[in-house]
């Protein structure tokens, strides 16, 4: 997981707020996925109950808990996606308003990443297996935060600096 306090800040405060939100969402998603994975692994390898009624109650509790985790993960993935869409819209509005020269390339990167995020979300919608949980855990803890950090250090830093130099202020 990424600690936002250790990430570079850009010249526009609204972008820093959006970056913090993205890291917070990814970290929360990672925690939920870890919880769901532990529950499923424990449920799959737990000791057998002595009587049949105990088995039924335990199985019913696992299903309810599993569904709650699944719903929470779904909701947080939707939040991460919708927050990212809004984040990118704010950036693109600023790039347009201040005539940022590399807005085409920057916007294309946004489109590419949104498609990637939609694909990850779709994976969860189709399959909530242990393999999918592991895959999404790596996405939330490693792949997405690394992409975001790289994007901040490269494209966002340049864009924010340009906009700030041309009169842009924090939103």
N, C-alpha and C. Protein backbone atom coordinates (compact mmCIF):
# COMPACT_ATOMS: atom_id res chain seq x y z
N UNK A 1 0.85 -1.17 0.00
CA UNK A 1 0.00 0.00 0.00
C UNK A 1 0.89 1.24 0.00
N UNK A 2 0.37 2.30 -0.55
CA UNK A 2 1.11 3.54 -0.72
C UNK A 2 0.67 4.54 0.34
N UNK A 3 1.64 5.18 0.95
CA UNK A 3 1.36 6.25 1.91
C UNK A 3 1.39 7.56 1.13
N UNK A 4 0.26 8.22 1.03
CA UNK A 4 0.17 9.45 0.25
C UNK A 4 1.17 10.50 0.73
N UNK A 5 1.44 10.53 2.02
CA UNK A 5 2.37 11.53 2.56
C UNK A 5 3.77 11.38 1.97
N UNK A 6 4.08 10.23 1.41
CA UNK A 6 5.40 9.99 0.82
C UNK A 6 5.41 10.18 -0.70
N UNK A 7 4.31 10.65 -1.26
CA UNK A 7 4.26 10.83 -2.71
C UNK A 7 4.53 12.29 -3.06
N UNK A 8 5.06 12.52 -4.25
CA UNK A 8 5.32 13.90 -4.67
C UNK A 8 4.01 14.69 -4.81
N UNK A 9 4.08 15.95 -4.48
CA UNK A 9 2.94 16.84 -4.63
C UNK A 9 3.13 17.67 -5.90
N UNK A 10 2.02 18.02 -6.54
CA UNK A 10 2.09 18.84 -7.75
C UNK A 10 1.68 20.27 -7.41
N UNK A 11 1.79 21.16 -8.39
CA UNK A 11 1.59 22.59 -8.16
C UNK A 11 0.12 23.00 -8.00
N UNK A 12 -0.81 22.09 -8.23
CA UNK A 12 -2.24 22.41 -8.10
C UNK A 12 -2.86 21.55 -7.00
N UNK A 13 -3.40 22.22 -5.99
CA UNK A 13 -3.91 21.51 -4.83
C UNK A 13 -5.08 20.59 -5.15
N UNK A 14 -5.94 20.95 -6.11
CA UNK A 14 -7.06 20.06 -6.42
C UNK A 14 -6.56 18.71 -6.91
N UNK A 15 -5.43 18.71 -7.62
CA UNK A 15 -4.87 17.45 -8.09
C UNK A 15 -4.33 16.62 -6.93
N UNK A 16 -3.68 17.29 -5.97
CA UNK A 16 -3.18 16.57 -4.80
C UNK A 16 -4.33 15.93 -4.02
N UNK A 17 -5.46 16.65 -3.91
CA UNK A 17 -6.63 16.08 -3.21
C UNK A 17 -7.14 14.85 -3.96
N UNK A 18 -7.20 14.93 -5.28
CA UNK A 18 -7.68 13.80 -6.08
C UNK A 18 -6.72 12.61 -5.98
N UNK A 19 -5.43 12.89 -5.97
CA UNK A 19 -4.44 11.81 -5.84
C UNK A 19 -4.58 11.13 -4.48
N UNK A 20 -4.75 11.91 -3.42
CA UNK A 20 -4.94 11.33 -2.08
C UNK A 20 -6.16 10.41 -2.08
N UNK A 21 -7.26 10.88 -2.67
CA UNK A 21 -8.48 10.08 -2.70
C UNK A 21 -8.24 8.75 -3.43
N UNK A 22 -7.51 8.80 -4.54
CA UNK A 22 -7.24 7.59 -5.31
C UNK A 22 -6.41 6.60 -4.50
N UNK A 23 -5.37 7.09 -3.82
CA UNK A 23 -4.55 6.19 -2.99
C UNK A 23 -5.37 5.65 -1.83
N UNK A 24 -6.19 6.50 -1.20
CA UNK A 24 -7.04 6.03 -0.10
C UNK A 24 -8.01 4.95 -0.56
N UNK A 25 -8.64 5.17 -1.73
CA UNK A 25 -9.56 4.17 -2.27
C UNK A 25 -8.85 2.85 -2.56
N UNK A 26 -7.67 2.94 -3.19
CA UNK A 26 -6.92 1.71 -3.52
C UNK A 26 -6.50 0.98 -2.24
N UNK A 27 -6.07 1.72 -1.22
CA UNK A 27 -5.69 1.09 0.05
C UNK A 27 -6.89 0.44 0.73
N UNK A 28 -8.04 1.10 0.71
CA UNK A 28 -9.25 0.53 1.30
C UNK A 28 -9.67 -0.73 0.53
N UNK A 29 -9.56 -0.69 -0.79
CA UNK A 29 -9.89 -1.86 -1.60
C UNK A 29 -8.96 -3.03 -1.25
N UNK A 30 -7.69 -2.76 -1.09
CA UNK A 30 -6.72 -3.80 -0.73
C UNK A 30 -7.09 -4.43 0.61
N UNK A 31 -7.47 -3.62 1.59
CA UNK A 31 -7.85 -4.16 2.90
C UNK A 31 -9.10 -5.05 2.78
N UNK A 32 -10.08 -4.61 2.01
CA UNK A 32 -11.29 -5.42 1.82
C UNK A 32 -10.98 -6.74 1.11
N UNK A 33 -10.14 -6.67 0.10
CA UNK A 33 -9.77 -7.89 -0.62
C UNK A 33 -9.01 -8.85 0.29
N UNK A 34 -8.12 -8.32 1.12
CA UNK A 34 -7.39 -9.17 2.07
C UNK A 34 -8.35 -9.85 3.04
N UNK A 35 -9.35 -9.10 3.49
CA UNK A 35 -10.35 -9.66 4.40
C UNK A 35 -11.16 -10.76 3.72
N UNK A 36 -11.58 -10.48 2.49
CA UNK A 36 -12.36 -11.48 1.74
C UNK A 36 -11.53 -12.73 1.46
N UNK A 37 -10.27 -12.54 1.14
CA UNK A 37 -9.39 -13.68 0.88
C UNK A 37 -9.21 -14.53 2.14
N UNK A 38 -8.98 -13.87 3.26
CA UNK A 38 -8.81 -14.60 4.52
C UNK A 38 -10.07 -15.38 4.86
N UNK A 39 -11.23 -14.76 4.66
CA UNK A 39 -12.49 -15.44 4.95
C UNK A 39 -12.66 -16.65 4.06
N UNK A 40 -12.37 -16.50 2.78
CA UNK A 40 -12.57 -17.63 1.85
C UNK A 40 -11.56 -18.73 2.09
N UNK A 41 -10.33 -18.36 2.40
CA UNK A 41 -9.32 -19.39 2.68
C UNK A 41 -9.65 -20.10 3.99
N UNK A 42 -10.05 -19.35 5.00
CA UNK A 42 -10.41 -19.95 6.28
C UNK A 42 -11.63 -20.84 6.10
N UNK A 43 -12.63 -20.34 5.35
CA UNK A 43 -13.84 -21.12 5.11
C UNK A 43 -13.57 -22.40 4.34
N UNK A 44 -12.63 -22.31 3.41
CA UNK A 44 -12.31 -23.48 2.57
C UNK A 44 -11.50 -24.51 3.33
N UNK A 45 -10.73 -24.08 4.31
CA UNK A 45 -9.87 -25.03 5.01
C UNK A 45 -10.23 -25.18 6.49
N UNK A 46 -11.36 -24.61 6.91
CA UNK A 46 -11.74 -24.68 8.31
C UNK A 46 -12.06 -26.10 8.74
N UNK A 47 -12.01 -26.33 10.02
CA UNK A 47 -12.29 -27.68 10.52
C UNK A 47 -13.77 -28.00 10.34
N UNK A 48 -14.05 -29.28 10.13
CA UNK A 48 -15.43 -29.71 9.93
C UNK A 48 -16.18 -29.66 11.26
N UNK A 49 -17.41 -29.21 11.18
CA UNK A 49 -18.24 -29.15 12.38
C UNK A 49 -18.68 -30.56 12.75
N UNK A 50 -18.96 -30.76 14.02
CA UNK A 50 -19.29 -32.09 14.51
C UNK A 50 -20.69 -32.52 14.06
N UNK A 51 -21.64 -31.63 14.16
CA UNK A 51 -23.00 -32.03 13.77
C UNK A 51 -23.46 -31.27 12.53
N UNK A 52 -24.48 -31.83 11.89
CA UNK A 52 -25.00 -31.28 10.63
C UNK A 52 -25.55 -29.88 10.80
N UNK A 53 -26.26 -29.58 11.88
CA UNK A 53 -26.82 -28.26 12.13
C UNK A 53 -25.70 -27.23 12.23
N UNK A 54 -24.64 -27.59 12.93
CA UNK A 54 -23.49 -26.68 13.05
C UNK A 54 -22.90 -26.36 11.69
N UNK A 55 -22.82 -27.36 10.81
CA UNK A 55 -22.31 -27.16 9.44
C UNK A 55 -23.20 -26.18 8.68
N UNK A 56 -24.51 -26.36 8.79
CA UNK A 56 -25.45 -25.49 8.07
C UNK A 56 -25.35 -24.05 8.55
N UNK A 57 -25.28 -23.85 9.85
CA UNK A 57 -25.18 -22.50 10.41
C UNK A 57 -23.86 -21.87 9.97
N UNK A 58 -22.77 -22.62 10.09
CA UNK A 58 -21.46 -22.10 9.69
C UNK A 58 -21.44 -21.74 8.21
N UNK A 59 -22.00 -22.59 7.35
CA UNK A 59 -22.03 -22.33 5.91
C UNK A 59 -22.88 -21.10 5.61
N UNK A 60 -24.04 -20.98 6.25
CA UNK A 60 -24.91 -19.83 6.04
C UNK A 60 -24.21 -18.53 6.46
N UNK A 61 -23.50 -18.55 7.58
CA UNK A 61 -22.76 -17.36 8.04
C UNK A 61 -21.66 -17.01 7.04
N UNK A 62 -20.95 -18.02 6.52
CA UNK A 62 -19.89 -17.76 5.54
C UNK A 62 -20.46 -17.14 4.27
N UNK A 63 -21.60 -17.64 3.82
CA UNK A 63 -22.22 -17.11 2.60
C UNK A 63 -22.64 -15.66 2.82
N UNK A 64 -23.28 -15.37 3.95
CA UNK A 64 -23.71 -13.99 4.24
C UNK A 64 -22.50 -13.07 4.35
N UNK A 65 -21.48 -13.50 5.08
CA UNK A 65 -20.29 -12.68 5.23
C UNK A 65 -19.59 -12.49 3.90
N UNK A 66 -19.52 -13.57 3.12
CA UNK A 66 -18.89 -13.50 1.80
C UNK A 66 -19.65 -12.53 0.90
N UNK A 67 -20.98 -12.56 0.94
CA UNK A 67 -21.79 -11.66 0.11
C UNK A 67 -21.58 -10.21 0.54
N UNK A 68 -21.49 -9.98 1.87
CA UNK A 68 -21.22 -8.62 2.36
C UNK A 68 -19.88 -8.13 1.83
N UNK A 69 -18.84 -8.96 1.93
CA UNK A 69 -17.53 -8.59 1.41
C UNK A 69 -17.60 -8.31 -0.08
N UNK A 70 -18.29 -9.17 -0.80
CA UNK A 70 -18.42 -9.02 -2.25
C UNK A 70 -19.11 -7.71 -2.59
N UNK A 71 -20.18 -7.38 -1.88
CA UNK A 71 -20.90 -6.13 -2.12
C UNK A 71 -20.03 -4.92 -1.81
N UNK A 72 -19.29 -4.99 -0.70
CA UNK A 72 -18.40 -3.88 -0.33
C UNK A 72 -17.28 -3.70 -1.36
N UNK A 73 -16.73 -4.80 -1.82
CA UNK A 73 -15.68 -4.72 -2.84
C UNK A 73 -16.24 -4.11 -4.11
N UNK A 74 -17.41 -4.58 -4.53
CA UNK A 74 -18.08 -4.03 -5.72
C UNK A 74 -18.28 -2.53 -5.57
N UNK A 75 -18.79 -2.12 -4.43
CA UNK A 75 -19.06 -0.70 -4.18
C UNK A 75 -17.77 0.12 -4.21
N UNK A 76 -16.73 -0.39 -3.59
CA UNK A 76 -15.47 0.36 -3.55
C UNK A 76 -14.81 0.41 -4.93
N UNK A 77 -14.94 -0.65 -5.71
CA UNK A 77 -14.41 -0.62 -7.07
C UNK A 77 -15.16 0.42 -7.91
N UNK A 78 -16.47 0.50 -7.72
CA UNK A 78 -17.26 1.52 -8.41
C UNK A 78 -16.85 2.92 -7.96
N UNK A 79 -16.60 3.09 -6.68
CA UNK A 79 -16.16 4.38 -6.15
C UNK A 79 -14.81 4.77 -6.74
N UNK A 80 -13.87 3.84 -6.75
CA UNK A 80 -12.55 4.12 -7.31
C UNK A 80 -12.68 4.53 -8.78
N UNK A 81 -13.49 3.83 -9.52
CA UNK A 81 -13.68 4.15 -10.94
C UNK A 81 -14.35 5.51 -11.11
N UNK A 82 -15.44 5.76 -10.39
CA UNK A 82 -16.15 7.04 -10.56
C UNK A 82 -15.31 8.21 -10.06
N UNK A 83 -14.57 8.03 -8.97
CA UNK A 83 -13.67 9.09 -8.50
C UNK A 83 -12.57 9.37 -9.51
N UNK A 84 -12.08 8.33 -10.16
CA UNK A 84 -11.03 8.50 -11.16
C UNK A 84 -11.58 9.21 -12.39
N UNK A 85 -12.79 8.86 -12.80
CA UNK A 85 -13.41 9.56 -13.93
C UNK A 85 -13.50 11.05 -13.61
N UNK A 86 -13.99 11.39 -12.43
CA UNK A 86 -14.12 12.80 -12.03
C UNK A 86 -12.75 13.47 -11.96
N UNK A 87 -11.77 12.80 -11.41
CA UNK A 87 -10.39 13.30 -11.31
C UNK A 87 -9.89 13.65 -12.71
N UNK A 88 -10.05 12.72 -13.64
CA UNK A 88 -9.57 12.95 -15.00
C UNK A 88 -10.34 14.08 -15.68
N UNK A 89 -11.64 14.18 -15.42
CA UNK A 89 -12.43 15.27 -15.99
C UNK A 89 -11.92 16.62 -15.52
N UNK A 90 -11.61 16.73 -14.22
CA UNK A 90 -11.07 17.99 -13.68
C UNK A 90 -9.75 18.34 -14.34
N UNK A 91 -8.88 17.35 -14.48
CA UNK A 91 -7.60 17.60 -15.12
C UNK A 91 -7.79 18.03 -16.57
N UNK A 92 -8.67 17.35 -17.27
CA UNK A 92 -8.87 17.66 -18.69
C UNK A 92 -9.51 19.03 -18.88
N UNK A 93 -10.41 19.43 -17.98
CA UNK A 93 -10.97 20.78 -18.03
C UNK A 93 -9.86 21.81 -17.85
N UNK A 94 -8.96 21.57 -16.92
CA UNK A 94 -7.85 22.49 -16.68
C UNK A 94 -6.91 22.54 -17.88
N UNK A 95 -6.60 21.37 -18.45
CA UNK A 95 -5.71 21.35 -19.61
C UNK A 95 -6.32 22.13 -20.77
N UNK A 96 -7.61 21.99 -20.97
CA UNK A 96 -8.31 22.71 -22.05
C UNK A 96 -8.32 24.21 -21.77
N UNK A 97 -8.69 24.57 -20.55
CA UNK A 97 -8.79 25.98 -20.18
C UNK A 97 -7.47 26.72 -20.36
N UNK A 98 -6.37 26.07 -20.03
CA UNK A 98 -5.07 26.74 -20.07
C UNK A 98 -4.24 26.37 -21.30
N UNK A 99 -4.85 25.63 -22.22
CA UNK A 99 -4.17 25.31 -23.47
C UNK A 99 -2.90 24.50 -23.29
N UNK A 100 -2.95 23.52 -22.42
CA UNK A 100 -1.77 22.67 -22.18
C UNK A 100 -1.40 21.94 -23.47
N UNK A 101 -0.16 22.12 -23.94
CA UNK A 101 0.23 21.58 -25.25
C UNK A 101 0.13 20.05 -25.37
N UNK A 102 0.37 19.31 -24.31
CA UNK A 102 0.37 17.84 -24.39
C UNK A 102 -0.96 17.25 -23.91
N UNK A 103 -2.04 18.01 -24.00
CA UNK A 103 -3.32 17.51 -23.49
C UNK A 103 -3.81 16.28 -24.25
N UNK A 104 -3.52 16.17 -25.53
CA UNK A 104 -3.93 14.99 -26.29
C UNK A 104 -3.32 13.72 -25.74
N UNK A 105 -2.01 13.74 -25.52
CA UNK A 105 -1.32 12.57 -24.98
C UNK A 105 -1.78 12.26 -23.56
N UNK A 106 -1.95 13.32 -22.77
CA UNK A 106 -2.38 13.15 -21.38
C UNK A 106 -3.79 12.55 -21.35
N UNK A 107 -4.67 13.08 -22.16
CA UNK A 107 -6.05 12.57 -22.20
C UNK A 107 -6.10 11.14 -22.73
N UNK A 108 -5.25 10.82 -23.67
CA UNK A 108 -5.20 9.44 -24.19
C UNK A 108 -4.76 8.47 -23.09
N UNK A 109 -3.82 8.89 -22.27
CA UNK A 109 -3.41 8.04 -21.14
C UNK A 109 -4.58 7.85 -20.18
N UNK A 110 -5.36 8.90 -19.94
CA UNK A 110 -6.55 8.78 -19.09
C UNK A 110 -7.52 7.75 -19.67
N UNK A 111 -7.77 7.82 -20.96
CA UNK A 111 -8.70 6.88 -21.60
C UNK A 111 -8.19 5.44 -21.47
N UNK A 112 -6.89 5.27 -21.67
CA UNK A 112 -6.30 3.93 -21.57
C UNK A 112 -6.48 3.36 -20.16
N UNK A 113 -6.21 4.18 -19.16
CA UNK A 113 -6.29 3.71 -17.77
C UNK A 113 -7.74 3.48 -17.36
N UNK A 114 -8.65 4.31 -17.82
CA UNK A 114 -10.06 4.07 -17.50
C UNK A 114 -10.53 2.75 -18.08
N UNK A 115 -10.08 2.42 -19.28
CA UNK A 115 -10.44 1.12 -19.87
C UNK A 115 -9.86 -0.03 -19.04
N UNK A 116 -8.63 0.13 -18.60
CA UNK A 116 -7.99 -0.87 -17.74
C UNK A 116 -8.80 -1.05 -16.45
N UNK A 117 -9.19 0.08 -15.84
CA UNK A 117 -9.97 0.01 -14.60
C UNK A 117 -11.32 -0.66 -14.85
N UNK A 118 -11.96 -0.35 -15.96
CA UNK A 118 -13.25 -0.99 -16.29
C UNK A 118 -13.07 -2.49 -16.48
N UNK A 119 -11.96 -2.88 -17.10
CA UNK A 119 -11.68 -4.31 -17.29
C UNK A 119 -11.50 -5.01 -15.94
N UNK A 120 -10.80 -4.38 -15.02
CA UNK A 120 -10.60 -4.97 -13.68
C UNK A 120 -11.94 -5.08 -12.96
N UNK A 121 -12.74 -4.04 -13.05
CA UNK A 121 -14.06 -4.04 -12.41
C UNK A 121 -14.94 -5.13 -13.02
N UNK A 122 -14.88 -5.27 -14.33
CA UNK A 122 -15.65 -6.30 -15.03
C UNK A 122 -15.22 -7.70 -14.59
N UNK A 123 -13.94 -7.87 -14.38
CA UNK A 123 -13.43 -9.16 -13.89
C UNK A 123 -14.11 -9.53 -12.58
N UNK A 124 -14.19 -8.57 -11.66
CA UNK A 124 -14.84 -8.82 -10.37
C UNK A 124 -16.32 -9.12 -10.56
N UNK A 125 -16.96 -8.41 -11.44
CA UNK A 125 -18.40 -8.63 -11.69
C UNK A 125 -18.67 -10.03 -12.23
N UNK A 126 -17.74 -10.57 -13.00
CA UNK A 126 -17.91 -11.91 -13.58
C UNK A 126 -17.51 -13.03 -12.65
N UNK A 127 -16.50 -12.79 -11.80
CA UNK A 127 -15.90 -13.89 -11.05
C UNK A 127 -15.33 -13.39 -9.73
N UNK A 128 -15.89 -13.85 -8.64
CA UNK A 128 -15.43 -13.44 -7.31
C UNK A 128 -14.60 -14.55 -6.66
N UNK A 129 -13.87 -15.28 -7.47
CA UNK A 129 -13.09 -16.42 -6.98
C UNK A 129 -11.86 -15.96 -6.21
N UNK A 130 -11.22 -16.92 -5.55
CA UNK A 130 -9.97 -16.64 -4.84
C UNK A 130 -8.92 -16.11 -5.81
N UNK A 131 -8.86 -16.66 -7.01
CA UNK A 131 -7.90 -16.21 -8.02
C UNK A 131 -8.15 -14.75 -8.39
N UNK A 132 -9.42 -14.38 -8.54
CA UNK A 132 -9.76 -13.00 -8.86
C UNK A 132 -9.42 -12.08 -7.70
N UNK A 133 -9.70 -12.52 -6.49
CA UNK A 133 -9.35 -11.71 -5.31
C UNK A 133 -7.84 -11.48 -5.28
N UNK A 134 -7.05 -12.52 -5.51
CA UNK A 134 -5.59 -12.35 -5.55
C UNK A 134 -5.17 -11.38 -6.64
N UNK A 135 -5.74 -11.54 -7.82
CA UNK A 135 -5.42 -10.65 -8.94
C UNK A 135 -5.74 -9.20 -8.59
N UNK A 136 -6.94 -8.95 -8.06
CA UNK A 136 -7.35 -7.59 -7.72
C UNK A 136 -6.57 -7.02 -6.54
N UNK A 137 -6.14 -7.90 -5.65
CA UNK A 137 -5.31 -7.46 -4.54
C UNK A 137 -3.98 -6.89 -5.05
N UNK A 138 -3.40 -7.57 -6.03
CA UNK A 138 -2.16 -7.07 -6.65
C UNK A 138 -2.43 -5.77 -7.39
N UNK A 139 -3.56 -5.69 -8.07
CA UNK A 139 -3.96 -4.47 -8.77
C UNK A 139 -4.08 -3.31 -7.78
N UNK A 140 -4.79 -3.52 -6.67
CA UNK A 140 -5.05 -2.44 -5.70
C UNK A 140 -3.81 -2.04 -4.92
N UNK A 141 -2.95 -3.01 -4.61
CA UNK A 141 -1.78 -2.72 -3.77
C UNK A 141 -0.55 -2.36 -4.56
N UNK A 142 -0.51 -2.76 -5.82
CA UNK A 142 0.74 -2.61 -6.57
C UNK A 142 0.54 -1.94 -7.93
N UNK A 143 -0.21 -2.56 -8.80
CA UNK A 143 -0.27 -2.08 -10.19
C UNK A 143 -0.89 -0.69 -10.32
N UNK A 144 -2.09 -0.49 -9.75
CA UNK A 144 -2.73 0.82 -9.85
C UNK A 144 -1.91 1.90 -9.12
N UNK A 145 -1.50 1.68 -7.87
CA UNK A 145 -0.70 2.73 -7.21
C UNK A 145 0.61 3.05 -7.93
N UNK A 146 1.27 2.03 -8.48
CA UNK A 146 2.51 2.30 -9.23
C UNK A 146 2.21 3.11 -10.48
N UNK A 147 1.12 2.77 -11.17
CA UNK A 147 0.76 3.56 -12.34
C UNK A 147 0.50 5.01 -11.93
N UNK A 148 -0.31 5.19 -10.87
CA UNK A 148 -0.66 6.53 -10.42
C UNK A 148 0.57 7.33 -10.01
N UNK A 149 1.46 6.70 -9.27
CA UNK A 149 2.68 7.38 -8.85
C UNK A 149 3.51 7.81 -10.07
N UNK A 150 3.66 6.91 -11.03
CA UNK A 150 4.39 7.25 -12.25
C UNK A 150 3.70 8.39 -13.01
N UNK A 151 2.38 8.33 -13.08
CA UNK A 151 1.61 9.37 -13.76
C UNK A 151 1.77 10.72 -13.08
N UNK A 152 1.78 10.71 -11.75
CA UNK A 152 1.97 11.95 -11.00
C UNK A 152 3.35 12.53 -11.29
N UNK A 153 4.37 11.69 -11.20
CA UNK A 153 5.76 12.15 -11.36
C UNK A 153 6.03 12.64 -12.78
N UNK A 154 5.37 12.07 -13.75
CA UNK A 154 5.64 12.44 -15.13
C UNK A 154 4.58 13.43 -15.63
N UNK A 155 3.48 12.94 -16.09
CA UNK A 155 2.48 13.77 -16.77
C UNK A 155 1.84 14.83 -15.87
N UNK A 156 1.41 14.46 -14.67
CA UNK A 156 0.70 15.41 -13.82
C UNK A 156 1.61 16.54 -13.32
N UNK A 157 2.85 16.22 -13.00
CA UNK A 157 3.77 17.26 -12.54
C UNK A 157 4.00 18.29 -13.63
N UNK A 158 4.22 17.84 -14.84
CA UNK A 158 4.45 18.74 -15.97
C UNK A 158 3.19 19.58 -16.23
N UNK A 159 2.04 18.92 -16.27
CA UNK A 159 0.79 19.63 -16.53
C UNK A 159 0.49 20.66 -15.45
N UNK A 160 0.59 20.27 -14.19
CA UNK A 160 0.29 21.18 -13.09
C UNK A 160 1.25 22.37 -13.08
N UNK A 161 2.50 22.12 -13.36
CA UNK A 161 3.49 23.20 -13.42
C UNK A 161 3.14 24.19 -14.54
N UNK A 162 2.80 23.66 -15.70
CA UNK A 162 2.43 24.51 -16.84
C UNK A 162 1.21 25.36 -16.49
N UNK A 163 0.17 24.74 -15.96
CA UNK A 163 -1.06 25.45 -15.65
C UNK A 163 -0.81 26.50 -14.55
N UNK A 164 -0.05 26.12 -13.56
CA UNK A 164 0.27 27.06 -12.48
C UNK A 164 1.04 28.27 -13.03
N UNK A 165 2.00 28.03 -13.91
CA UNK A 165 2.79 29.12 -14.51
C UNK A 165 1.94 30.02 -15.39
N UNK A 166 0.85 29.50 -15.91
CA UNK A 166 -0.02 30.26 -16.79
C UNK A 166 -1.28 30.79 -16.08
N UNK A 167 -1.19 30.90 -14.78
CA UNK A 167 -2.26 31.55 -14.01
C UNK A 167 -3.24 30.63 -13.34
N UNK A 168 -3.07 29.33 -13.50
CA UNK A 168 -3.99 28.40 -12.85
C UNK A 168 -3.78 28.39 -11.35
N UNK A 169 -4.85 28.28 -10.64
CA UNK A 169 -4.77 28.21 -9.17
C UNK A 169 -5.46 26.95 -8.70
N UNK A 170 -5.30 26.69 -7.45
CA UNK A 170 -5.96 25.50 -6.88
C UNK A 170 -7.46 25.67 -6.93
N UNK A 171 -8.14 24.59 -7.25
CA UNK A 171 -9.61 24.60 -7.28
C UNK A 171 -10.16 24.23 -5.93
